[in-house]
């Protein structure tokens, strides 16, 4: 066997072995997570910024929310957690405005999960502004205060920034988790090495990969 061919074969086998060894415990870039070509600016001080890209209508985002919320609480001493609601079509913009209105009013913790419940269990659509206002009032939020915030220039600025981040991070599916402005993963991405995994198993894998990436990003800050 020619020497050059032997070398090429050895390299190929090494590469195959590396891919086979990849897992949520020892994730690999390009398998369980992606590395952006250009690191995005973050503002988390000595902590690690973790950003979820999501949409309220997305059933996978709704399914991931309880496990993600628990993970965020567990890691609050290490991370600064943020959310970006996608606004990729006009039909989604009322939901996007809804999220950023809750954020601007400082009431996301009280109402975020309730929006998912309204959409995915109570089958409310939030397809226009009036449907959003009706839900806010029924949920106990002051309708006038909510409406004024919803229609403000400040919310419009948040939408512009959110859409810009989606483009900068090259987000094409969701939920998607960004770590330190550089790494991206998701339940689907983390479960690539286990194609038969259930959605719950994929979510658990994603949380493991997120643990790894937070530790990696923290070490890179030193």
N, C-alpha and C. Protein backbone atom coordinates (compact mmCIF):
# COMPACT_ATOMS: atom_id res chain seq x y z
N UNK A 1 0.85 -1.20 0.00
CA UNK A 1 0.00 0.00 0.00
C UNK A 1 0.88 1.24 0.00
N UNK A 2 0.70 2.16 -0.92
CA UNK A 2 1.53 3.36 -0.97
C UNK A 2 1.47 4.12 0.34
N UNK A 3 2.61 4.73 0.70
CA UNK A 3 2.69 5.43 1.98
C UNK A 3 1.67 6.56 2.08
N UNK A 4 1.51 7.35 1.01
CA UNK A 4 0.57 8.47 1.04
C UNK A 4 -0.85 7.97 1.30
N UNK A 5 -1.21 6.86 0.65
CA UNK A 5 -2.56 6.31 0.85
C UNK A 5 -2.74 5.88 2.31
N UNK A 6 -1.69 5.27 2.89
CA UNK A 6 -1.77 4.86 4.30
C UNK A 6 -2.02 6.05 5.21
N UNK A 7 -1.33 7.15 4.93
CA UNK A 7 -1.49 8.35 5.75
C UNK A 7 -2.91 8.89 5.64
N UNK A 8 -3.41 8.95 4.39
CA UNK A 8 -4.76 9.46 4.18
C UNK A 8 -5.80 8.57 4.85
N UNK A 9 -5.61 7.26 4.78
CA UNK A 9 -6.53 6.33 5.41
C UNK A 9 -6.51 6.50 6.92
N UNK A 10 -5.34 6.67 7.49
CA UNK A 10 -5.22 6.85 8.94
C UNK A 10 -5.94 8.12 9.39
N UNK A 11 -5.75 9.20 8.63
CA UNK A 11 -6.42 10.45 8.97
C UNK A 11 -7.93 10.31 8.89
N UNK A 12 -8.40 9.62 7.88
CA UNK A 12 -9.84 9.42 7.73
C UNK A 12 -10.41 8.61 8.90
N UNK A 13 -9.68 7.58 9.31
CA UNK A 13 -10.14 6.76 10.43
C UNK A 13 -10.13 7.55 11.72
N UNK A 14 -9.14 8.40 11.90
CA UNK A 14 -9.09 9.24 13.09
C UNK A 14 -10.28 10.19 13.12
N UNK A 15 -10.59 10.76 11.97
CA UNK A 15 -11.73 11.67 11.89
C UNK A 15 -13.03 10.95 12.19
N UNK A 16 -13.19 9.76 11.64
CA UNK A 16 -14.39 8.99 11.90
C UNK A 16 -14.50 8.62 13.37
N UNK A 17 -13.36 8.27 13.98
CA UNK A 17 -13.37 7.94 15.40
C UNK A 17 -13.74 9.12 16.25
N UNK A 18 -13.26 10.32 15.87
CA UNK A 18 -13.58 11.52 16.64
C UNK A 18 -15.06 11.81 16.58
N UNK A 19 -15.67 11.67 15.40
CA UNK A 19 -17.09 11.92 15.27
C UNK A 19 -17.90 10.89 16.05
N UNK A 20 -17.46 9.66 16.02
CA UNK A 20 -18.18 8.62 16.74
C UNK A 20 -18.12 8.86 18.24
N UNK A 21 -17.01 9.45 18.72
CA UNK A 21 -16.84 9.67 20.14
C UNK A 21 -17.59 10.89 20.63
N UNK A 22 -18.02 11.76 19.73
CA UNK A 22 -18.72 12.97 20.13
C UNK A 22 -20.02 12.61 20.83
N UNK A 23 -20.36 13.37 21.87
CA UNK A 23 -21.55 13.12 22.66
C UNK A 23 -21.86 14.36 23.46
N UNK A 24 -23.05 14.43 24.10
CA UNK A 24 -23.33 15.59 24.95
C UNK A 24 -22.31 15.80 26.07
N UNK A 25 -21.68 14.69 26.53
CA UNK A 25 -20.67 14.83 27.57
C UNK A 25 -19.35 15.38 27.02
N UNK A 26 -19.04 15.03 25.78
CA UNK A 26 -17.83 15.51 25.11
C UNK A 26 -18.23 16.03 23.73
N UNK A 27 -18.97 17.15 23.68
CA UNK A 27 -19.51 17.62 22.40
C UNK A 27 -18.41 18.15 21.48
N UNK A 28 -18.71 18.11 20.20
CA UNK A 28 -17.76 18.57 19.19
C UNK A 28 -18.40 19.67 18.35
N UNK A 29 -17.59 20.67 18.00
CA UNK A 29 -18.06 21.73 17.11
C UNK A 29 -18.39 21.14 15.75
N UNK A 30 -19.53 21.51 15.23
CA UNK A 30 -19.99 20.95 13.97
C UNK A 30 -20.86 19.72 14.14
N UNK A 31 -20.94 19.22 15.37
CA UNK A 31 -21.80 18.07 15.65
C UNK A 31 -22.88 18.50 16.65
N UNK A 32 -22.53 18.52 17.95
CA UNK A 32 -23.52 18.91 18.96
C UNK A 32 -23.67 20.42 19.12
N UNK A 33 -22.73 21.17 18.60
CA UNK A 33 -22.86 22.63 18.61
C UNK A 33 -22.14 23.21 17.41
N UNK A 34 -22.43 24.47 17.13
CA UNK A 34 -21.80 25.18 16.03
C UNK A 34 -20.99 26.35 16.58
N UNK A 35 -19.95 26.72 15.87
CA UNK A 35 -19.13 27.86 16.25
C UNK A 35 -19.27 28.93 15.17
N UNK A 36 -19.69 30.12 15.57
CA UNK A 36 -19.84 31.21 14.61
C UNK A 36 -18.49 31.65 14.09
N UNK A 37 -18.45 32.00 12.83
CA UNK A 37 -17.20 32.49 12.24
C UNK A 37 -16.78 33.81 12.86
N UNK A 38 -17.78 34.61 13.26
CA UNK A 38 -17.51 35.91 13.86
C UNK A 38 -18.23 36.00 15.20
N UNK A 39 -17.46 36.17 16.28
CA UNK A 39 -18.06 36.26 17.61
C UNK A 39 -18.84 37.56 17.75
N UNK A 40 -20.05 37.46 18.29
CA UNK A 40 -20.91 38.63 18.49
C UNK A 40 -20.61 39.29 19.84
N UNK A 41 -20.82 40.58 19.91
CA UNK A 41 -20.60 41.30 21.16
C UNK A 41 -21.62 40.86 22.21
N UNK A 42 -21.15 40.72 23.44
CA UNK A 42 -22.03 40.39 24.56
C UNK A 42 -21.76 41.37 25.70
N UNK A 43 -22.66 41.42 26.66
CA UNK A 43 -22.53 42.35 27.77
C UNK A 43 -22.90 41.63 29.05
N UNK A 44 -22.00 40.76 29.49
CA UNK A 44 -22.29 39.93 30.67
C UNK A 44 -21.22 40.04 31.74
N UNK A 45 -20.28 40.96 31.58
CA UNK A 45 -19.23 41.11 32.58
C UNK A 45 -18.41 39.85 32.70
N UNK A 46 -18.22 39.40 33.94
CA UNK A 46 -17.44 38.18 34.17
C UNK A 46 -18.27 36.92 34.01
N UNK A 47 -19.57 37.08 33.85
CA UNK A 47 -20.42 35.92 33.62
C UNK A 47 -20.46 35.61 32.12
N UNK A 48 -21.17 34.56 31.77
CA UNK A 48 -21.30 34.13 30.37
C UNK A 48 -22.72 34.45 29.90
N UNK A 49 -22.81 35.13 28.77
CA UNK A 49 -24.13 35.44 28.22
C UNK A 49 -24.72 34.23 27.52
N UNK A 50 -25.96 33.90 27.86
CA UNK A 50 -26.70 32.81 27.24
C UNK A 50 -27.99 33.41 26.68
N UNK A 51 -28.22 33.22 25.39
CA UNK A 51 -29.37 33.83 24.73
C UNK A 51 -30.21 32.76 24.06
N UNK A 52 -31.51 32.78 24.36
CA UNK A 52 -32.43 31.87 23.68
C UNK A 52 -33.13 32.62 22.55
N UNK A 53 -33.09 32.06 21.36
CA UNK A 53 -33.89 32.54 20.23
C UNK A 53 -35.14 31.65 20.18
N UNK A 54 -36.31 32.27 20.24
CA UNK A 54 -37.54 31.49 20.35
C UNK A 54 -38.70 32.25 19.71
N UNK A 55 -39.83 31.56 19.63
CA UNK A 55 -41.09 32.20 19.22
C UNK A 55 -42.21 31.56 20.02
N UNK A 56 -43.17 32.37 20.41
CA UNK A 56 -44.26 31.84 21.24
C UNK A 56 -45.07 30.76 20.53
N UNK A 57 -45.26 30.89 19.22
CA UNK A 57 -46.10 29.92 18.51
C UNK A 57 -45.43 28.55 18.37
N UNK A 58 -44.11 28.49 18.58
CA UNK A 58 -43.32 27.29 18.32
C UNK A 58 -43.57 26.22 19.39
N UNK A 59 -44.11 25.05 19.03
CA UNK A 59 -44.37 24.01 20.03
C UNK A 59 -43.10 23.47 20.68
N UNK A 60 -42.00 23.48 19.94
CA UNK A 60 -40.74 22.98 20.51
C UNK A 60 -40.18 23.96 21.53
N UNK A 61 -40.39 25.25 21.30
CA UNK A 61 -40.00 26.26 22.29
C UNK A 61 -40.82 26.09 23.56
N UNK A 62 -42.13 25.88 23.40
CA UNK A 62 -43.01 25.68 24.55
C UNK A 62 -42.60 24.44 25.33
N UNK A 63 -42.27 23.37 24.62
CA UNK A 63 -41.87 22.13 25.28
C UNK A 63 -40.55 22.28 26.03
N UNK A 64 -39.64 23.05 25.47
CA UNK A 64 -38.31 23.22 26.06
C UNK A 64 -38.33 24.17 27.26
N UNK A 65 -39.32 25.05 27.34
CA UNK A 65 -39.33 26.13 28.33
C UNK A 65 -39.17 25.65 29.78
N UNK A 66 -39.91 24.65 30.26
CA UNK A 66 -39.75 24.26 31.67
C UNK A 66 -38.34 23.80 32.02
N UNK A 67 -37.76 22.95 31.18
CA UNK A 67 -36.40 22.45 31.45
C UNK A 67 -35.39 23.58 31.34
N UNK A 68 -35.58 24.46 30.36
CA UNK A 68 -34.66 25.58 30.19
C UNK A 68 -34.73 26.52 31.39
N UNK A 69 -35.95 26.82 31.86
CA UNK A 69 -36.11 27.71 33.01
C UNK A 69 -35.42 27.15 34.24
N UNK A 70 -35.55 25.84 34.44
CA UNK A 70 -34.88 25.20 35.58
C UNK A 70 -33.36 25.30 35.44
N UNK A 71 -32.86 25.08 34.23
CA UNK A 71 -31.41 25.18 33.98
C UNK A 71 -30.92 26.60 34.24
N UNK A 72 -31.66 27.59 33.79
CA UNK A 72 -31.27 28.99 33.98
C UNK A 72 -31.19 29.31 35.47
N UNK A 73 -32.18 28.89 36.24
CA UNK A 73 -32.16 29.14 37.68
C UNK A 73 -30.96 28.47 38.34
N UNK A 74 -30.65 27.27 37.92
CA UNK A 74 -29.53 26.53 38.50
C UNK A 74 -28.19 27.19 38.20
N UNK A 75 -28.10 27.87 37.07
CA UNK A 75 -26.83 28.47 36.64
C UNK A 75 -26.79 29.99 36.77
N UNK A 76 -27.69 30.55 37.56
CA UNK A 76 -27.81 32.01 37.63
C UNK A 76 -26.55 32.69 38.16
N UNK A 77 -25.73 31.96 38.90
CA UNK A 77 -24.49 32.55 39.41
C UNK A 77 -23.39 32.60 38.35
N UNK A 78 -23.60 31.91 37.21
CA UNK A 78 -22.57 31.82 36.17
C UNK A 78 -22.94 32.58 34.90
N UNK A 79 -24.24 32.79 34.69
CA UNK A 79 -24.68 33.28 33.39
C UNK A 79 -25.54 34.54 33.51
N UNK A 80 -25.62 35.27 32.41
CA UNK A 80 -26.63 36.31 32.20
C UNK A 80 -27.52 35.78 31.08
N UNK A 81 -28.79 35.56 31.40
CA UNK A 81 -29.70 34.94 30.45
C UNK A 81 -30.58 35.98 29.76
N UNK A 82 -30.69 35.86 28.43
CA UNK A 82 -31.51 36.77 27.65
C UNK A 82 -32.35 35.96 26.66
N UNK A 83 -33.41 36.59 26.20
CA UNK A 83 -34.25 35.96 25.17
C UNK A 83 -34.37 36.90 23.98
N UNK A 84 -34.49 36.30 22.81
CA UNK A 84 -34.76 37.04 21.58
C UNK A 84 -35.94 36.36 20.90
N UNK A 85 -37.05 37.09 20.77
CA UNK A 85 -38.22 36.54 20.08
C UNK A 85 -38.11 36.86 18.60
N UNK A 86 -38.24 35.83 17.79
CA UNK A 86 -38.14 36.01 16.34
C UNK A 86 -39.37 36.73 15.80
N UNK A 87 -39.18 37.47 14.70
CA UNK A 87 -40.26 38.16 14.03
C UNK A 87 -40.16 37.98 12.53
N UNK A 88 -39.99 36.74 12.11
CA UNK A 88 -39.61 36.42 10.73
C UNK A 88 -40.73 36.58 9.72
N UNK A 89 -41.98 36.67 10.18
CA UNK A 89 -43.09 36.93 9.27
C UNK A 89 -44.03 37.93 9.93
N UNK A 90 -44.82 38.68 9.15
CA UNK A 90 -45.75 39.64 9.74
C UNK A 90 -46.72 39.00 10.74
N UNK A 91 -47.10 37.74 10.51
CA UNK A 91 -48.04 37.08 11.40
C UNK A 91 -47.48 36.85 12.80
N UNK A 92 -46.17 36.83 12.92
CA UNK A 92 -45.53 36.57 14.20
C UNK A 92 -45.26 37.86 14.98
N UNK A 93 -45.31 38.99 14.31
CA UNK A 93 -44.95 40.26 14.94
C UNK A 93 -45.80 40.58 16.18
N UNK A 94 -47.12 40.31 16.20
CA UNK A 94 -47.86 40.57 17.45
C UNK A 94 -47.31 39.77 18.64
N UNK A 95 -46.89 38.53 18.39
CA UNK A 95 -46.29 37.73 19.47
C UNK A 95 -44.94 38.32 19.89
N UNK A 96 -44.18 38.77 18.91
CA UNK A 96 -42.88 39.39 19.20
C UNK A 96 -43.10 40.66 20.04
N UNK A 97 -44.05 41.48 19.65
CA UNK A 97 -44.36 42.69 20.42
C UNK A 97 -44.86 42.33 21.82
N UNK A 98 -45.63 41.27 21.91
CA UNK A 98 -46.11 40.81 23.21
C UNK A 98 -44.95 40.53 24.14
N UNK A 99 -43.98 39.74 23.65
CA UNK A 99 -42.84 39.41 24.52
C UNK A 99 -42.09 40.67 24.96
N UNK A 100 -41.79 41.55 24.03
CA UNK A 100 -40.98 42.71 24.38
C UNK A 100 -41.77 43.72 25.23
N UNK A 101 -43.09 43.70 25.13
CA UNK A 101 -43.89 44.52 26.03
C UNK A 101 -43.82 43.98 27.45
N UNK A 102 -43.95 42.66 27.60
CA UNK A 102 -43.78 42.05 28.92
C UNK A 102 -42.40 42.38 29.49
N UNK A 103 -41.38 42.31 28.64
CA UNK A 103 -40.02 42.60 29.07
C UNK A 103 -39.90 44.05 29.52
N UNK A 104 -40.44 44.96 28.73
CA UNK A 104 -40.31 46.39 29.07
C UNK A 104 -41.06 46.74 30.35
N UNK A 105 -42.12 46.00 30.65
CA UNK A 105 -42.89 46.24 31.86
C UNK A 105 -42.34 45.47 33.06
N UNK A 106 -41.30 44.66 32.82
CA UNK A 106 -40.67 43.92 33.91
C UNK A 106 -41.49 42.78 34.46
N UNK A 107 -42.36 42.20 33.62
CA UNK A 107 -43.25 41.16 34.11
C UNK A 107 -43.10 39.84 33.34
N UNK A 108 -41.98 39.66 32.66
CA UNK A 108 -41.75 38.39 31.97
C UNK A 108 -41.83 37.19 32.92
N UNK A 109 -41.19 37.24 34.11
CA UNK A 109 -41.24 36.06 34.98
C UNK A 109 -42.66 35.62 35.34
N UNK A 110 -43.57 36.57 35.48
CA UNK A 110 -44.94 36.24 35.87
C UNK A 110 -45.78 35.73 34.70
N UNK A 111 -45.46 36.14 33.48
CA UNK A 111 -46.38 35.90 32.37
C UNK A 111 -45.82 35.08 31.20
N UNK A 112 -44.51 34.88 31.15
CA UNK A 112 -43.91 34.19 30.01
C UNK A 112 -44.51 32.80 29.81
N UNK A 113 -44.52 32.00 30.84
CA UNK A 113 -45.08 30.64 30.72
C UNK A 113 -46.58 30.69 30.43
N UNK A 114 -47.26 31.71 30.92
CA UNK A 114 -48.70 31.82 30.69
C UNK A 114 -49.01 32.08 29.21
N UNK A 115 -48.12 32.77 28.51
CA UNK A 115 -48.33 32.97 27.07
C UNK A 115 -48.25 31.63 26.34
N UNK A 116 -47.25 30.83 26.68
CA UNK A 116 -47.15 29.50 26.07
C UNK A 116 -48.41 28.67 26.35
N UNK A 117 -48.89 28.73 27.59
CA UNK A 117 -50.10 28.00 27.94
C UNK A 117 -51.29 28.48 27.12
N UNK A 118 -51.42 29.79 26.98
CA UNK A 118 -52.53 30.35 26.21
C UNK A 118 -52.50 29.87 24.76
N UNK A 119 -51.30 29.82 24.18
CA UNK A 119 -51.18 29.45 22.77
C UNK A 119 -51.32 27.96 22.54
N UNK A 120 -50.68 27.16 23.39
CA UNK A 120 -50.55 25.73 23.09
C UNK A 120 -51.55 24.84 23.83
N UNK A 121 -52.18 25.37 24.87
CA UNK A 121 -53.19 24.59 25.57
C UNK A 121 -54.58 25.19 25.40
N UNK A 122 -54.67 26.51 25.42
CA UNK A 122 -55.97 27.17 25.28
C UNK A 122 -56.27 27.57 23.83
N UNK A 123 -55.29 27.33 22.94
CA UNK A 123 -55.44 27.55 21.50
C UNK A 123 -55.73 29.00 21.12
N UNK A 124 -55.23 29.95 21.91
CA UNK A 124 -55.31 31.35 21.50
C UNK A 124 -54.23 31.61 20.46
N UNK A 125 -54.52 32.47 19.50
CA UNK A 125 -53.64 32.60 18.34
C UNK A 125 -52.72 33.81 18.39
N UNK A 126 -53.12 34.90 19.02
CA UNK A 126 -52.30 36.11 19.04
C UNK A 126 -51.85 36.50 17.64
N UNK A 127 -52.80 36.46 16.71
CA UNK A 127 -52.48 36.80 15.32
C UNK A 127 -52.62 38.26 14.99
N UNK A 128 -53.17 39.06 15.94
CA UNK A 128 -53.27 40.49 15.72
C UNK A 128 -53.20 41.22 17.06
N UNK A 129 -53.09 42.52 17.00
CA UNK A 129 -52.89 43.30 18.22
C UNK A 129 -54.05 43.15 19.19
N UNK A 130 -55.27 43.18 18.69
CA UNK A 130 -56.43 43.13 19.57
C UNK A 130 -56.49 41.82 20.35
N UNK A 131 -56.12 40.72 19.73
CA UNK A 131 -56.10 39.44 20.45
C UNK A 131 -55.07 39.47 21.58
N UNK A 132 -53.96 40.13 21.33
CA UNK A 132 -52.94 40.27 22.38
C UNK A 132 -53.47 41.12 23.52
N UNK A 133 -54.12 42.24 23.20
CA UNK A 133 -54.65 43.13 24.24
C UNK A 133 -55.71 42.42 25.08
N UNK A 134 -56.57 41.65 24.42
CA UNK A 134 -57.61 40.93 25.14
C UNK A 134 -57.00 39.92 26.11
N UNK A 135 -55.99 39.23 25.65
CA UNK A 135 -55.34 38.26 26.54
C UNK A 135 -54.69 38.96 27.72
N UNK A 136 -53.97 40.05 27.46
CA UNK A 136 -53.29 40.77 28.54
C UNK A 136 -54.28 41.20 29.62
N UNK A 137 -55.41 41.74 29.19
CA UNK A 137 -56.42 42.17 30.15
C UNK A 137 -56.99 40.99 30.93
N UNK A 138 -57.25 39.88 30.23
CA UNK A 138 -57.80 38.70 30.90
C UNK A 138 -56.81 38.07 31.86
N UNK A 139 -55.50 38.30 31.60
CA UNK A 139 -54.46 37.75 32.47
C UNK A 139 -54.18 38.63 33.68
N UNK A 140 -54.86 39.79 33.74
CA UNK A 140 -54.71 40.67 34.90
C UNK A 140 -53.73 41.80 34.71
N UNK A 141 -53.29 42.04 33.48
CA UNK A 141 -52.38 43.15 33.19
C UNK A 141 -53.22 44.38 32.83
N UNK A 142 -52.83 45.53 33.36
CA UNK A 142 -53.55 46.77 33.04
C UNK A 142 -53.56 46.99 31.53
N UNK A 143 -54.74 47.00 30.94
CA UNK A 143 -54.83 47.05 29.48
C UNK A 143 -54.25 48.34 28.91
N UNK A 144 -54.56 49.47 29.53
CA UNK A 144 -54.08 50.75 29.00
C UNK A 144 -52.56 50.83 29.07
N UNK A 145 -51.98 50.42 30.20
CA UNK A 145 -50.52 50.47 30.34
C UNK A 145 -49.85 49.52 29.34
N UNK A 146 -50.43 48.34 29.19
CA UNK A 146 -49.88 47.36 28.26
C UNK A 146 -49.95 47.89 26.83
N UNK A 147 -51.10 48.43 26.45
CA UNK A 147 -51.29 48.91 25.08
C UNK A 147 -50.34 50.06 24.76
N UNK A 148 -50.17 50.97 25.71
CA UNK A 148 -49.25 52.09 25.49
C UNK A 148 -47.82 51.61 25.29
N UNK A 149 -47.41 50.65 26.11
CA UNK A 149 -46.05 50.12 25.96
C UNK A 149 -45.91 49.37 24.64
N UNK A 150 -46.90 48.57 24.32
CA UNK A 150 -46.90 47.74 23.10
C UNK A 150 -46.71 48.60 21.85
N UNK A 151 -47.31 49.79 21.85
CA UNK A 151 -47.29 50.65 20.67
C UNK A 151 -46.18 51.70 20.71
N UNK A 152 -45.30 51.60 21.69
CA UNK A 152 -44.28 52.64 21.88
C UNK A 152 -43.10 52.49 20.92
N UNK A 153 -42.37 53.60 20.74
CA UNK A 153 -41.15 53.57 19.94
C UNK A 153 -40.11 52.65 20.56
N UNK A 154 -40.12 52.54 21.90
CA UNK A 154 -39.16 51.67 22.57
C UNK A 154 -39.31 50.23 22.16
N UNK A 155 -40.56 49.77 22.03
CA UNK A 155 -40.79 48.39 21.60
C UNK A 155 -40.36 48.21 20.16
N UNK A 156 -40.64 49.20 19.33
CA UNK A 156 -40.21 49.10 17.93
C UNK A 156 -38.70 48.96 17.84
N UNK A 157 -37.97 49.70 18.67
CA UNK A 157 -36.51 49.62 18.68
C UNK A 157 -36.05 48.23 19.10
N UNK A 158 -36.76 47.64 20.07
CA UNK A 158 -36.42 46.28 20.51
C UNK A 158 -36.63 45.27 19.37
N UNK A 159 -37.69 45.47 18.59
CA UNK A 159 -37.94 44.57 17.47
C UNK A 159 -36.83 44.67 16.42
N UNK A 160 -36.40 45.88 16.14
CA UNK A 160 -35.33 46.07 15.17
C UNK A 160 -34.05 45.39 15.65
N UNK A 161 -33.74 45.57 16.93
CA UNK A 161 -32.53 44.94 17.48
C UNK A 161 -32.65 43.42 17.45
N UNK A 162 -33.82 42.90 17.81
CA UNK A 162 -34.02 41.44 17.80
C UNK A 162 -33.82 40.88 16.40
N UNK A 163 -34.41 41.52 15.42
CA UNK A 163 -34.28 41.03 14.04
C UNK A 163 -32.84 41.09 13.57
N UNK A 164 -32.12 42.13 14.01
CA UNK A 164 -30.71 42.23 13.66
C UNK A 164 -29.89 41.11 14.29
N UNK A 165 -30.22 40.73 15.53
CA UNK A 165 -29.50 39.64 16.19
C UNK A 165 -29.77 38.31 15.51
N UNK A 166 -31.00 38.09 15.10
CA UNK A 166 -31.33 36.85 14.39
C UNK A 166 -30.48 36.72 13.14
N UNK A 167 -30.32 37.83 12.42
CA UNK A 167 -29.50 37.82 11.21
C UNK A 167 -28.02 37.62 11.54
N UNK A 168 -27.53 38.31 12.57
CA UNK A 168 -26.11 38.22 12.93
C UNK A 168 -25.73 36.82 13.39
N UNK A 169 -26.62 36.19 14.14
CA UNK A 169 -26.36 34.84 14.65
C UNK A 169 -26.73 33.75 13.64
N UNK A 170 -27.31 34.18 12.51
CA UNK A 170 -27.69 33.23 11.44
C UNK A 170 -28.64 32.15 11.96
N UNK A 171 -29.62 32.57 12.72
CA UNK A 171 -30.60 31.65 13.28
C UNK A 171 -31.63 31.28 12.22
N UNK A 172 -31.76 30.00 11.95
CA UNK A 172 -32.70 29.52 10.95
C UNK A 172 -33.71 28.52 11.50
N UNK A 173 -33.52 28.10 12.74
CA UNK A 173 -34.47 27.21 13.40
C UNK A 173 -34.45 27.53 14.89
N UNK A 174 -35.52 27.12 15.57
CA UNK A 174 -35.65 27.49 16.98
C UNK A 174 -36.45 26.42 17.71
N UNK A 175 -36.23 26.31 19.02
CA UNK A 175 -35.38 27.15 19.86
C UNK A 175 -33.90 26.95 19.54
N UNK A 176 -33.16 28.02 19.66
CA UNK A 176 -31.71 27.99 19.45
C UNK A 176 -31.07 28.73 20.63
N UNK A 177 -29.98 28.17 21.15
CA UNK A 177 -29.30 28.77 22.30
C UNK A 177 -27.91 29.23 21.88
N UNK A 178 -27.62 30.49 22.14
CA UNK A 178 -26.30 31.06 21.87
C UNK A 178 -25.55 31.21 23.18
N UNK A 179 -24.30 30.83 23.17
CA UNK A 179 -23.44 30.92 24.36
C UNK A 179 -22.28 31.86 24.05
N UNK A 180 -22.16 32.92 24.86
CA UNK A 180 -21.02 33.83 24.79
C UNK A 180 -20.85 34.47 23.41
N UNK A 181 -21.94 34.61 22.67
CA UNK A 181 -21.87 35.24 21.36
C UNK A 181 -21.09 34.46 20.33
N UNK A 182 -20.78 33.22 20.64
CA UNK A 182 -19.89 32.46 19.74
C UNK A 182 -20.41 31.07 19.40
N UNK A 183 -21.06 30.41 20.35
CA UNK A 183 -21.45 29.02 20.16
C UNK A 183 -22.98 28.91 20.07
N UNK A 184 -23.46 28.00 19.24
CA UNK A 184 -24.89 27.77 19.07
C UNK A 184 -25.20 26.29 19.25
N UNK A 185 -26.29 26.02 19.97
CA UNK A 185 -26.76 24.65 20.08
C UNK A 185 -28.27 24.68 20.21
N UNK A 186 -28.87 23.51 20.22
CA UNK A 186 -30.32 23.36 20.34
C UNK A 186 -30.60 21.90 20.65
N UNK A 187 -31.82 21.57 21.07
CA UNK A 187 -32.12 20.15 21.26
C UNK A 187 -31.87 19.32 20.00
N UNK A 188 -32.26 19.85 18.85
CA UNK A 188 -32.03 19.12 17.61
C UNK A 188 -30.55 18.97 17.31
N UNK A 189 -29.79 20.04 17.49
CA UNK A 189 -28.35 20.01 17.23
C UNK A 189 -27.65 19.07 18.19
N UNK A 190 -27.98 19.17 19.46
CA UNK A 190 -27.32 18.34 20.47
C UNK A 190 -27.63 16.87 20.28
N UNK A 191 -28.79 16.57 19.70
CA UNK A 191 -29.19 15.19 19.51
C UNK A 191 -28.77 14.58 18.19
N UNK A 192 -27.91 15.28 17.45
CA UNK A 192 -27.52 14.77 16.12
C UNK A 192 -26.83 13.40 16.20
N UNK A 193 -26.10 13.17 17.28
CA UNK A 193 -25.41 11.88 17.39
C UNK A 193 -26.33 10.77 17.91
N UNK A 194 -27.61 11.13 18.20
CA UNK A 194 -28.57 10.13 18.67
C UNK A 194 -29.89 10.35 17.93
N UNK A 195 -29.94 9.97 16.66
CA UNK A 195 -31.10 10.30 15.82
C UNK A 195 -32.41 9.69 16.29
N UNK A 196 -32.37 8.67 17.12
CA UNK A 196 -33.60 8.03 17.60
C UNK A 196 -34.07 8.59 18.94
N UNK A 197 -33.38 9.62 19.45
CA UNK A 197 -33.73 10.17 20.75
C UNK A 197 -35.09 10.87 20.68
N UNK A 198 -35.83 10.81 21.77
CA UNK A 198 -37.10 11.53 21.88
C UNK A 198 -36.82 13.02 22.06
N UNK A 199 -37.86 13.83 21.96
CA UNK A 199 -37.66 15.27 22.15
C UNK A 199 -37.17 15.58 23.56
N UNK A 200 -37.70 14.89 24.56
CA UNK A 200 -37.25 15.10 25.93
C UNK A 200 -35.78 14.73 26.09
N UNK A 201 -35.37 13.65 25.45
CA UNK A 201 -33.96 13.25 25.50
C UNK A 201 -33.07 14.26 24.79
N UNK A 202 -33.53 14.78 23.66
CA UNK A 202 -32.78 15.83 22.95
C UNK A 202 -32.63 17.07 23.82
N UNK A 203 -33.67 17.42 24.54
CA UNK A 203 -33.60 18.58 25.43
C UNK A 203 -32.56 18.36 26.52
N UNK A 204 -32.55 17.16 27.10
CA UNK A 204 -31.56 16.84 28.13
C UNK A 204 -30.15 16.92 27.56
N UNK A 205 -29.97 16.44 26.33
CA UNK A 205 -28.67 16.53 25.67
C UNK A 205 -28.26 17.98 25.47
N UNK A 206 -29.20 18.81 25.06
CA UNK A 206 -28.90 20.23 24.85
C UNK A 206 -28.43 20.89 26.13
N UNK A 207 -29.06 20.56 27.25
CA UNK A 207 -28.66 21.15 28.53
C UNK A 207 -27.25 20.71 28.91
N UNK A 208 -26.90 19.47 28.59
CA UNK A 208 -25.53 19.00 28.84
C UNK A 208 -24.53 19.76 27.98
N UNK A 209 -24.87 19.95 26.72
CA UNK A 209 -23.98 20.71 25.83
C UNK A 209 -23.86 22.15 26.31
N UNK A 210 -24.95 22.72 26.78
CA UNK A 210 -24.91 24.09 27.31
C UNK A 210 -24.01 24.18 28.53
N UNK A 211 -24.07 23.18 29.41
CA UNK A 211 -23.14 23.13 30.56
C UNK A 211 -21.70 23.18 30.08
N UNK A 212 -21.42 22.36 29.09
CA UNK A 212 -20.06 22.29 28.53
C UNK A 212 -19.64 23.63 27.95
N UNK A 213 -20.53 24.25 27.18
CA UNK A 213 -20.17 25.50 26.49
C UNK A 213 -20.05 26.66 27.46
N UNK A 214 -20.86 26.68 28.51
CA UNK A 214 -20.72 27.73 29.53
C UNK A 214 -19.36 27.61 30.22
N UNK A 215 -18.99 26.38 30.56
CA UNK A 215 -17.68 26.17 31.19
C UNK A 215 -16.55 26.55 30.24
N UNK A 216 -16.71 26.19 28.98
CA UNK A 216 -15.69 26.51 27.97
C UNK A 216 -15.56 28.02 27.81
N UNK A 217 -16.70 28.70 27.71
CA UNK A 217 -16.67 30.16 27.52
C UNK A 217 -16.09 30.85 28.75
N UNK A 218 -16.43 30.35 29.95
CA UNK A 218 -15.90 30.94 31.18
C UNK A 218 -14.37 30.80 31.23
N UNK A 219 -13.87 29.63 30.83
CA UNK A 219 -12.43 29.41 30.81
C UNK A 219 -11.75 30.33 29.79
N UNK A 220 -12.41 30.60 28.70
CA UNK A 220 -11.84 31.46 27.67
C UNK A 220 -11.81 32.93 28.09
N UNK A 221 -12.60 33.29 29.09
CA UNK A 221 -12.58 34.66 29.59
C UNK A 221 -11.34 34.94 30.46
N UNK A 222 -10.75 33.86 31.00
CA UNK A 222 -9.63 34.04 31.93
C UNK A 222 -8.32 34.32 31.20
